[in-house]
Protein backbone atom coordinates (compact mmCIF):
# COMPACT_ATOMS: atom_id res chain seq x y z
CA UNK A 1 6.39 18.48 -3.06
CA UNK A 2 5.91 19.22 -6.72
CA UNK A 3 8.12 17.41 -9.14
CA UNK A 4 8.10 15.90 -12.56
CA UNK A 5 6.50 12.47 -12.41
CA UNK A 6 8.68 9.70 -13.79
CA UNK A 7 6.89 6.56 -14.92
CA UNK A 8 7.60 3.26 -16.61
CA UNK A 9 4.95 2.17 -19.12
CA UNK A 10 4.98 -1.51 -18.15
CA UNK A 11 4.85 -0.86 -14.39
CA UNK A 12 1.36 -1.57 -13.02
CA UNK A 13 1.98 0.75 -10.06
CA UNK A 14 2.91 3.60 -12.44
CA UNK A 15 -0.28 2.98 -14.40
CA UNK A 16 -2.37 3.11 -11.21
CA UNK A 17 -0.46 6.19 -10.04
CA UNK A 18 -1.23 7.93 -13.33
CA UNK A 19 -4.93 6.97 -13.15
CA UNK A 20 -4.64 4.69 -16.18
CA UNK A 21 -6.06 1.61 -14.43
CA UNK A 22 -7.75 0.43 -11.23
CA UNK A 23 -8.65 3.91 -9.98
CA UNK A 24 -11.52 2.30 -8.06
CA UNK A 25 -8.97 0.39 -5.96
CA UNK A 26 -7.23 3.56 -4.78
CA UNK A 27 -8.08 4.10 -1.12
CA UNK A 28 -6.20 7.41 -0.87
CA UNK A 29 -4.43 9.73 -3.27
CA UNK A 30 -2.40 12.91 -2.95
CA UNK A 31 -0.32 14.57 -5.65
CA UNK A 32 2.65 12.33 -4.78
CA UNK A 33 1.41 9.25 -2.90
CA UNK A 34 -1.39 6.70 -3.21
CA UNK A 35 -2.67 3.64 -1.33
CA UNK A 36 -4.09 0.42 -2.77
CA UNK A 37 -4.96 -2.95 -1.23
CA UNK A 38 -2.25 -5.52 -1.97
CA UNK A 39 -3.12 -8.00 -4.71
CA UNK A 40 -2.00 -10.89 -2.51
CA UNK A 41 -3.57 -11.02 0.95
CA UNK A 42 -2.90 -13.28 3.92
CA UNK A 43 -6.10 -15.08 4.98
CA UNK A 44 -5.51 -14.24 8.66
CA UNK A 45 -4.48 -10.62 7.96
CA UNK A 46 -7.19 -9.08 5.75
CA UNK A 47 -6.60 -5.52 4.60
CA UNK A 48 -2.90 -5.66 3.61
CA UNK A 49 -2.30 -2.28 1.92
CA UNK A 50 0.50 -0.73 -0.12
CA UNK A 51 1.63 2.90 0.18
CA UNK A 52 3.37 4.06 -3.00
CA UNK A 53 4.85 7.14 -4.64
CA UNK A 54 3.20 8.20 -7.90
CA UNK A 55 6.66 8.54 -9.47
CA UNK A 56 8.52 5.41 -10.47
CA UNK A 57 11.35 4.99 -7.99
CA UNK A 58 12.96 1.59 -7.55
CA UNK A 59 15.09 1.99 -4.43
CA UNK A 60 14.17 3.47 -1.09
CA UNK A 61 17.51 5.29 -0.95
CA UNK A 62 16.58 7.14 -4.18
CA UNK A 63 13.39 8.65 -2.73
CA UNK A 64 13.82 12.42 -2.20
CA UNK A 65 13.57 13.41 1.50
CA UNK A 66 10.32 15.37 1.15
CA UNK A 67 8.63 12.47 -0.66
CA UNK A 68 10.01 9.99 1.87
CA UNK A 69 8.52 12.14 4.63
CA UNK A 70 5.12 12.06 2.92
CA UNK A 71 5.34 8.29 2.37
CA UNK A 72 6.05 7.71 6.06
CA UNK A 73 3.37 10.20 7.15
CA UNK A 74 0.76 8.42 5.00
CA UNK A 75 1.99 5.01 6.20
CA UNK A 76 1.47 6.14 9.80
CA UNK A 77 -2.10 7.15 8.93
CA UNK A 78 -2.71 3.71 7.42
CA UNK A 79 -1.46 1.95 10.57
CA UNK A 80 -4.19 3.78 12.46
CA UNK A 81 -6.83 3.36 9.75
CA UNK A 82 -6.51 -0.45 9.58
CA UNK A 83 -7.70 -0.58 13.18
CA UNK A 84 -10.90 1.28 12.25
CA UNK A 85 -11.34 -0.35 8.83
CA UNK A 86 -10.74 -3.99 9.78
CA UNK A 87 -10.68 -4.19 13.57
CA UNK A 88 -6.93 -4.86 13.61
CA UNK A 89 -5.13 -4.67 16.94
CA UNK A 90 -1.92 -3.41 15.33
CA UNK A 91 0.10 -3.64 12.11
CA UNK A 92 3.39 -4.75 10.65
CA UNK A 93 5.12 -2.31 8.28
CA UNK A 94 7.70 -3.59 5.79
CA UNK A 95 9.50 -2.40 2.68
CA UNK A 96 11.40 -4.64 0.28
CA UNK A 97 14.30 -3.25 -1.74
CA UNK A 98 15.11 -5.44 -4.77
CA UNK A 99 14.65 -8.79 -3.10
CA UNK A 100 14.81 -11.98 -5.19
CA UNK A 101 11.43 -12.81 -6.64
CA UNK A 102 10.06 -9.29 -6.31
CA UNK A 103 7.63 -8.82 -9.20
CA UNK A 104 7.35 -5.03 -9.35
CA UNK A 105 10.34 -2.77 -8.79
CA UNK A 106 8.46 0.36 -7.73
CA UNK A 107 9.02 1.54 -4.16
CA UNK A 108 6.12 0.53 -1.94
CA UNK A 109 5.55 0.14 1.77
CA UNK A 110 3.46 -2.76 3.07
CA UNK A 111 1.04 -2.19 5.94
CA UNK A 112 -0.20 -5.56 7.17
CA UNK A 113 -3.05 -5.49 9.70
CA UNK A 114 -2.39 -7.67 12.74
CA UNK A 115 -4.91 -9.55 14.85
CA UNK A 116 -4.71 -11.55 18.08
CA UNK A 117 -3.52 -15.11 17.34
CA UNK A 118 -3.14 -14.39 13.60
CA UNK A 119 -0.06 -16.68 13.35
CA UNK A 120 1.66 -14.05 11.21
CA UNK A 121 5.13 -14.92 10.04
CA UNK A 122 7.56 -13.80 7.38
CA UNK A 123 8.27 -15.06 4.85
CA UNK A 124 4.68 -15.98 4.25
CA UNK A 125 3.85 -19.04 2.21
CA UNK A 126 0.10 -18.57 2.44
CA UNK A 127 -0.26 -15.42 0.34
CA UNK A 128 -3.16 -15.86 -2.05
CA UNK A 129 -4.42 -13.59 -4.78
CA UNK A 130 -7.46 -11.76 -3.46
CA UNK A 131 -10.37 -11.41 -5.90
CA UNK A 132 -11.04 -7.90 -7.16
CA UNK A 133 -14.36 -7.62 -5.28
CA UNK A 134 -12.60 -8.30 -1.98
CA UNK A 135 -9.90 -5.73 -2.78
CA UNK A 136 -12.61 -3.21 -3.73
CA UNK A 137 -14.35 -3.77 -0.38
CA UNK A 138 -11.04 -3.39 1.45
CA UNK A 139 -10.23 -0.21 -0.46
CA UNK A 140 -13.65 1.21 0.46
CA UNK A 141 -13.22 0.36 4.16
CA UNK A 142 -9.76 1.89 4.25
CA UNK A 143 -10.90 4.95 2.27
CA UNK A 144 -13.64 5.53 4.85
CA UNK A 145 -11.23 5.09 7.76
CA UNK A 146 -8.73 7.51 6.18
CA UNK A 147 -11.23 10.38 5.95
CA UNK A 148 -10.34 13.36 8.13
CA UNK A 149 -12.20 13.34 11.40
CA UNK A 150 -14.40 16.28 12.26
């Protein structure tokens, strides 16, 4: 898919998508999609990642079909990669569409690594901001796990 990229200057995800900030946190990038570790991580589910379009889209129903296909394709790769990167036994995939309290209105898909007896539940009250060094390490592990296999 090749299309004009739409961005919003005060959207952090747009700034990352346009390589204006936090490029070192990007675990994967194509022309249209990128992956970053989530800022807030569950202590029992390390490696929570976000799959996002480069273009600023606020509603899942506004995502063009070819871009939606790529988002889902990349999300599927991440569900496999979190097993290699973090030793997860599975994953939970979610997408929020303008929910109350949502901080950034830029379409993104959550991939949350799951572990035996992780006590995962939604909504989660134990989300804590992960320090940058932890997110960098998680981006590196995921980046390595996302490399094509020979």
